[in-house]
């Protein structure tokens, strides 16, 4: 399965594309430096199949002239750090959990006080 070496995302959704490390050594070194700065690499890593996702590139790095493929322009270098996606929790989920806990706590306090106010 294709995954991003920097952030770990694997899904090909939300318009995210995956791009193999360049063959050009100078360009490849810039990509490797980016990944090392944000994640780290395995010793002796094979870069033939290694990819970065489109989230790490500025919009100006993309050639979208083809209707079928999104390609990186020559000499594009990743510059955007994205947190590792598999460790992120949706903000909506966190808010929902917090609100549920707050509402349960308020309800418990009101029952203890025998308050007559209803919690929505």
N, C-alpha and C. Protein backbone atom coordinates (compact mmCIF):
# COMPACT_ATOMS: atom_id res chain seq x y z
N UNK A 1 0.84 -1.18 0.00
CA UNK A 1 0.00 0.00 0.00
C UNK A 1 0.89 1.25 0.00
N UNK A 2 0.54 2.19 -0.80
CA UNK A 2 1.29 3.45 -0.89
C UNK A 2 1.04 4.26 0.38
N UNK A 3 2.10 4.82 0.92
CA UNK A 3 1.95 5.71 2.08
C UNK A 3 2.99 6.83 2.00
N UNK A 4 2.69 7.90 2.71
CA UNK A 4 3.60 9.04 2.74
C UNK A 4 4.68 8.79 3.79
N UNK A 5 5.92 8.92 3.39
CA UNK A 5 7.04 8.69 4.30
C UNK A 5 7.09 9.71 5.44
N UNK A 6 6.56 10.90 5.21
CA UNK A 6 6.65 11.97 6.21
C UNK A 6 5.50 11.95 7.21
N UNK A 7 4.26 11.76 6.73
CA UNK A 7 3.12 11.86 7.66
C UNK A 7 2.36 10.55 7.83
N UNK A 8 2.65 9.56 7.02
CA UNK A 8 2.05 8.25 7.20
C UNK A 8 0.68 8.05 6.56
N UNK A 9 0.13 9.06 5.91
CA UNK A 9 -1.19 8.92 5.32
C UNK A 9 -1.14 7.86 4.21
N UNK A 10 -2.21 7.07 4.12
CA UNK A 10 -2.26 6.01 3.12
C UNK A 10 -3.43 6.16 2.15
N UNK A 11 -4.43 6.90 2.52
CA UNK A 11 -5.64 7.01 1.70
C UNK A 11 -5.43 7.93 0.51
N UNK A 12 -5.99 7.55 -0.60
CA UNK A 12 -5.96 8.40 -1.79
C UNK A 12 -7.29 9.12 -1.88
N UNK A 13 -7.56 9.93 -0.87
CA UNK A 13 -8.83 10.67 -0.89
C UNK A 13 -8.56 12.14 -0.62
N UNK A 14 -9.62 12.90 -0.65
CA UNK A 14 -9.53 14.34 -0.39
C UNK A 14 -8.57 15.04 -1.34
N UNK A 15 -8.39 14.47 -2.53
CA UNK A 15 -7.52 15.10 -3.50
C UNK A 15 -6.03 14.94 -3.22
N UNK A 16 -5.68 14.05 -2.31
CA UNK A 16 -4.27 13.83 -1.97
C UNK A 16 -3.64 12.91 -3.01
N UNK A 17 -2.48 13.31 -3.50
CA UNK A 17 -1.74 12.49 -4.45
C UNK A 17 -0.39 12.12 -3.84
N UNK A 18 0.21 11.06 -4.36
CA UNK A 18 1.50 10.58 -3.86
C UNK A 18 2.55 10.72 -4.94
N UNK A 19 3.76 11.11 -4.51
CA UNK A 19 4.83 11.39 -5.46
C UNK A 19 6.11 10.68 -5.01
N UNK A 20 6.69 9.92 -5.93
CA UNK A 20 7.93 9.19 -5.63
C UNK A 20 9.09 10.15 -5.47
N UNK A 21 10.05 9.71 -4.66
CA UNK A 21 11.27 10.50 -4.50
C UNK A 21 11.95 10.62 -5.86
N UNK A 22 12.52 11.79 -6.14
CA UNK A 22 13.14 12.01 -7.45
C UNK A 22 14.39 11.15 -7.66
N UNK A 23 14.70 10.90 -8.91
CA UNK A 23 15.92 10.15 -9.25
C UNK A 23 17.15 11.04 -9.18
N UNK A 24 16.97 12.33 -9.49
CA UNK A 24 18.07 13.29 -9.44
C UNK A 24 18.61 13.37 -8.01
N UNK A 25 19.90 13.12 -7.84
CA UNK A 25 20.49 13.04 -6.49
C UNK A 25 20.35 14.34 -5.68
N UNK A 26 20.56 15.49 -6.30
CA UNK A 26 20.45 16.76 -5.57
C UNK A 26 19.02 16.99 -5.08
N UNK A 27 18.08 16.72 -5.97
CA UNK A 27 16.67 16.88 -5.61
C UNK A 27 16.28 15.88 -4.53
N UNK A 28 16.74 14.63 -4.69
CA UNK A 28 16.44 13.58 -3.71
C UNK A 28 16.98 13.96 -2.34
N UNK A 29 18.17 14.54 -2.27
CA UNK A 29 18.77 14.95 -0.99
C UNK A 29 17.90 15.99 -0.28
N UNK A 30 17.32 16.91 -1.05
CA UNK A 30 16.44 17.92 -0.45
C UNK A 30 15.20 17.27 0.15
N UNK A 31 14.64 16.28 -0.53
CA UNK A 31 13.47 15.56 -0.02
C UNK A 31 13.84 14.77 1.24
N UNK A 32 15.00 14.10 1.19
CA UNK A 32 15.47 13.32 2.34
C UNK A 32 15.69 14.22 3.54
N UNK A 33 16.29 15.37 3.34
CA UNK A 33 16.51 16.33 4.43
C UNK A 33 15.19 16.76 5.06
N UNK A 34 14.18 16.99 4.22
CA UNK A 34 12.85 17.37 4.72
C UNK A 34 12.29 16.27 5.62
N UNK A 35 12.34 15.03 5.16
CA UNK A 35 11.79 13.91 5.94
C UNK A 35 12.58 13.71 7.22
N UNK A 36 13.91 13.79 7.15
CA UNK A 36 14.75 13.63 8.35
C UNK A 36 14.39 14.67 9.41
N UNK A 37 14.15 15.89 8.97
CA UNK A 37 13.84 16.98 9.89
C UNK A 37 12.53 16.72 10.64
N UNK A 38 11.59 16.06 9.99
CA UNK A 38 10.26 15.91 10.58
C UNK A 38 9.95 14.50 11.06
N UNK A 39 10.67 13.51 10.62
CA UNK A 39 10.31 12.15 11.02
C UNK A 39 11.51 11.25 11.28
N UNK A 40 12.40 11.21 10.36
CA UNK A 40 13.51 10.26 10.44
C UNK A 40 13.33 9.17 9.39
N UNK A 41 14.41 8.54 9.04
CA UNK A 41 14.39 7.52 8.00
C UNK A 41 15.06 6.26 8.51
N UNK A 42 14.73 5.14 7.86
CA UNK A 42 15.38 3.88 8.17
C UNK A 42 16.77 3.88 7.54
N UNK A 43 17.71 3.26 8.21
CA UNK A 43 19.06 3.16 7.67
C UNK A 43 19.03 2.34 6.38
N UNK A 44 19.65 2.82 5.35
CA UNK A 44 19.71 2.11 4.07
C UNK A 44 18.38 2.03 3.35
N UNK A 45 17.53 3.01 3.55
CA UNK A 45 16.19 3.03 2.94
C UNK A 45 16.26 3.05 1.42
N UNK A 46 15.40 2.27 0.79
CA UNK A 46 15.30 2.24 -0.67
C UNK A 46 14.31 3.33 -1.09
N UNK A 47 14.79 4.29 -1.87
CA UNK A 47 13.95 5.41 -2.25
C UNK A 47 13.25 5.21 -3.59
N UNK A 48 13.39 4.05 -4.21
CA UNK A 48 12.71 3.80 -5.48
C UNK A 48 11.19 3.81 -5.31
N UNK A 49 10.71 3.28 -4.20
CA UNK A 49 9.27 3.17 -3.97
C UNK A 49 8.77 4.14 -2.90
N UNK A 50 9.65 4.92 -2.31
CA UNK A 50 9.27 5.84 -1.24
C UNK A 50 8.52 7.03 -1.82
N UNK A 51 7.45 7.46 -1.13
CA UNK A 51 6.66 8.58 -1.62
C UNK A 51 6.39 9.61 -0.54
N UNK A 52 6.09 10.82 -0.98
CA UNK A 52 5.56 11.88 -0.12
C UNK A 52 4.20 12.26 -0.69
N UNK A 53 3.29 12.66 0.19
CA UNK A 53 1.97 13.06 -0.31
C UNK A 53 1.95 14.55 -0.65
N UNK A 54 0.93 14.92 -1.37
CA UNK A 54 0.81 16.29 -1.88
C UNK A 54 0.65 17.33 -0.79
N UNK A 55 0.31 16.91 0.43
CA UNK A 55 0.14 17.86 1.53
C UNK A 55 1.42 18.60 1.88
N UNK A 56 2.57 18.06 1.49
CA UNK A 56 3.86 18.63 1.87
C UNK A 56 4.41 19.64 0.85
N UNK A 57 3.64 19.91 -0.19
CA UNK A 57 4.10 20.80 -1.25
C UNK A 57 3.18 22.01 -1.39
N UNK A 58 3.80 23.15 -1.70
CA UNK A 58 3.03 24.36 -1.96
C UNK A 58 2.19 24.15 -3.23
N UNK A 59 1.09 24.84 -3.32
CA UNK A 59 0.21 24.74 -4.49
C UNK A 59 0.97 25.06 -5.79
N UNK A 60 1.92 25.98 -5.71
CA UNK A 60 2.69 26.38 -6.89
C UNK A 60 3.61 25.27 -7.42
N UNK A 61 3.80 24.19 -6.66
CA UNK A 61 4.66 23.09 -7.07
C UNK A 61 3.99 22.13 -8.06
N UNK A 62 2.68 22.26 -8.25
CA UNK A 62 1.94 21.29 -9.03
C UNK A 62 1.67 21.75 -10.46
N UNK A 63 1.80 20.78 -11.36
CA UNK A 63 1.43 20.98 -12.76
C UNK A 63 0.09 20.26 -12.94
N UNK A 64 -0.97 21.02 -13.04
CA UNK A 64 -2.30 20.43 -13.16
C UNK A 64 -2.88 20.63 -14.55
N UNK A 65 -2.02 20.69 -15.55
CA UNK A 65 -2.49 20.89 -16.92
C UNK A 65 -3.14 19.65 -17.50
N UNK A 66 -2.79 18.49 -16.99
CA UNK A 66 -3.39 17.24 -17.45
C UNK A 66 -4.69 16.99 -16.70
N UNK A 67 -5.69 16.53 -17.41
CA UNK A 67 -6.97 16.21 -16.77
C UNK A 67 -6.89 14.88 -16.02
N UNK A 68 -5.90 14.08 -16.35
CA UNK A 68 -5.79 12.74 -15.77
C UNK A 68 -4.82 12.64 -14.59
N UNK A 69 -3.76 13.45 -14.60
CA UNK A 69 -2.72 13.31 -13.58
C UNK A 69 -2.33 14.65 -12.99
N UNK A 70 -1.98 14.61 -11.71
CA UNK A 70 -1.40 15.77 -11.05
C UNK A 70 0.08 15.45 -10.90
N UNK A 71 0.91 16.31 -11.46
CA UNK A 71 2.35 16.08 -11.40
C UNK A 71 3.04 17.23 -10.69
N UNK A 72 4.18 16.90 -10.10
CA UNK A 72 5.00 17.96 -9.52
C UNK A 72 5.82 18.60 -10.62
N UNK A 73 6.00 19.89 -10.52
CA UNK A 73 6.86 20.60 -11.47
C UNK A 73 8.31 20.22 -11.17
N UNK A 74 9.18 20.31 -12.18
CA UNK A 74 10.60 20.01 -11.94
C UNK A 74 11.14 20.89 -10.81
N UNK A 75 11.98 20.32 -10.00
CA UNK A 75 12.66 21.00 -8.90
C UNK A 75 11.73 21.38 -7.74
N UNK A 76 10.56 20.75 -7.66
CA UNK A 76 9.67 20.96 -6.51
C UNK A 76 10.29 20.30 -5.29
N UNK A 77 10.22 21.00 -4.17
CA UNK A 77 10.78 20.50 -2.92
C UNK A 77 9.70 20.60 -1.83
N UNK A 78 9.55 19.57 -1.01
CA UNK A 78 8.56 19.63 0.06
C UNK A 78 8.95 20.68 1.10
N UNK A 79 7.99 21.48 1.54
CA UNK A 79 8.26 22.53 2.53
C UNK A 79 7.23 22.58 3.65
N UNK A 80 6.13 21.86 3.52
CA UNK A 80 5.04 21.95 4.50
C UNK A 80 5.05 20.73 5.41
N UNK A 81 5.20 20.98 6.71
CA UNK A 81 5.16 19.90 7.68
C UNK A 81 3.70 19.61 8.04
N UNK A 82 3.33 18.34 7.99
CA UNK A 82 1.99 17.89 8.38
C UNK A 82 2.19 16.83 9.45
N UNK A 83 1.47 16.94 10.55
CA UNK A 83 1.59 15.96 11.62
C UNK A 83 1.22 14.57 11.10
N UNK A 84 1.83 13.58 11.69
CA UNK A 84 1.55 12.21 11.27
C UNK A 84 0.07 11.90 11.42
N UNK A 85 -0.58 11.63 10.31
CA UNK A 85 -2.03 11.51 10.27
C UNK A 85 -2.57 10.37 11.11
N UNK A 86 -1.84 9.27 11.27
CA UNK A 86 -2.41 8.16 12.01
C UNK A 86 -2.46 8.44 13.51
N UNK A 87 -1.81 9.50 13.97
CA UNK A 87 -1.87 9.85 15.37
C UNK A 87 -2.81 11.01 15.67
N UNK A 88 -3.40 11.57 14.64
CA UNK A 88 -4.31 12.69 14.84
C UNK A 88 -5.71 12.21 15.18
N UNK A 89 -6.38 12.96 16.01
CA UNK A 89 -7.77 12.68 16.34
C UNK A 89 -8.58 13.86 15.82
N UNK A 90 -9.68 13.55 15.20
CA UNK A 90 -10.52 14.60 14.64
C UNK A 90 -10.95 15.58 15.73
N UNK A 91 -10.87 16.86 15.42
CA UNK A 91 -11.30 17.90 16.36
C UNK A 91 -12.77 17.72 16.70
N UNK A 92 -13.57 17.33 15.72
CA UNK A 92 -15.00 17.11 15.96
C UNK A 92 -15.23 16.03 17.01
N UNK A 93 -14.43 14.96 16.96
CA UNK A 93 -14.57 13.88 17.93
C UNK A 93 -14.21 14.37 19.32
N UNK A 94 -13.12 15.13 19.43
CA UNK A 94 -12.69 15.65 20.73
C UNK A 94 -13.76 16.57 21.31
N UNK A 95 -14.30 17.46 20.51
CA UNK A 95 -15.33 18.39 20.98
C UNK A 95 -16.57 17.61 21.42
N UNK A 96 -16.98 16.63 20.64
CA UNK A 96 -18.16 15.83 21.00
C UNK A 96 -17.94 15.11 22.33
N UNK A 97 -16.75 14.54 22.52
CA UNK A 97 -16.47 13.85 23.79
C UNK A 97 -16.47 14.82 24.97
N UNK A 98 -15.86 15.97 24.78
CA UNK A 98 -15.83 16.97 25.85
C UNK A 98 -17.24 17.44 26.21
N UNK A 99 -18.04 17.74 25.20
CA UNK A 99 -19.41 18.19 25.46
C UNK A 99 -20.23 17.12 26.16
N UNK A 100 -20.06 15.88 25.75
CA UNK A 100 -20.78 14.78 26.40
C UNK A 100 -20.40 14.70 27.87
N UNK A 101 -19.10 14.78 28.16
CA UNK A 101 -18.65 14.71 29.55
C UNK A 101 -19.17 15.90 30.37
N UNK A 102 -19.16 17.10 29.79
CA UNK A 102 -19.65 18.29 30.49
C UNK A 102 -21.13 18.16 30.78
N UNK A 103 -21.90 17.71 29.80
CA UNK A 103 -23.35 17.58 29.98
C UNK A 103 -23.67 16.52 31.04
N UNK A 104 -22.93 15.42 31.03
CA UNK A 104 -23.15 14.38 32.05
C UNK A 104 -22.81 14.92 33.44
N UNK A 105 -21.73 15.69 33.55
CA UNK A 105 -21.33 16.26 34.83
C UNK A 105 -22.38 17.24 35.34
N UNK A 106 -22.87 18.11 34.47
CA UNK A 106 -23.91 19.07 34.86
C UNK A 106 -25.16 18.33 35.30
N UNK A 107 -25.53 17.31 34.56
CA UNK A 107 -26.72 16.53 34.90
C UNK A 107 -26.55 15.87 36.27
N UNK A 108 -25.38 15.31 36.54
CA UNK A 108 -25.12 14.69 37.84
C UNK A 108 -25.21 15.71 38.97
N UNK A 109 -24.62 16.87 38.80
CA UNK A 109 -24.65 17.92 39.83
C UNK A 109 -26.08 18.36 40.08
N UNK A 110 -26.84 18.53 39.02
CA UNK A 110 -28.22 18.98 39.18
C UNK A 110 -29.06 17.93 39.90
N UNK A 111 -28.81 16.67 39.63
CA UNK A 111 -29.55 15.61 40.33
C UNK A 111 -29.19 15.59 41.81
N UNK A 112 -27.92 15.81 42.10
CA UNK A 112 -27.49 15.85 43.51
C UNK A 112 -28.11 17.02 44.24
N UNK A 113 -28.25 18.14 43.54
CA UNK A 113 -28.84 19.34 44.16
C UNK A 113 -30.36 19.33 44.08
N UNK A 114 -30.88 18.33 43.36
CA UNK A 114 -32.32 18.23 43.14
C UNK A 114 -32.87 19.49 42.48
N UNK A 115 -32.09 19.99 41.53
CA UNK A 115 -32.51 21.18 40.79
C UNK A 115 -33.63 20.79 39.82
N UNK A 116 -34.46 21.74 39.49
CA UNK A 116 -35.59 21.48 38.59
C UNK A 116 -35.31 22.01 37.18
N UNK A 117 -34.09 22.51 36.93
CA UNK A 117 -33.75 23.04 35.62
C UNK A 117 -33.38 21.86 34.71
N UNK A 118 -33.89 21.86 33.48
CA UNK A 118 -33.59 20.79 32.54
C UNK A 118 -32.38 21.14 31.69
N UNK A 119 -31.54 20.15 31.47
CA UNK A 119 -30.37 20.34 30.61
C UNK A 119 -30.77 19.86 29.23
N UNK A 120 -30.53 20.67 28.19
CA UNK A 120 -30.94 20.27 26.83
C UNK A 120 -30.21 19.05 26.35
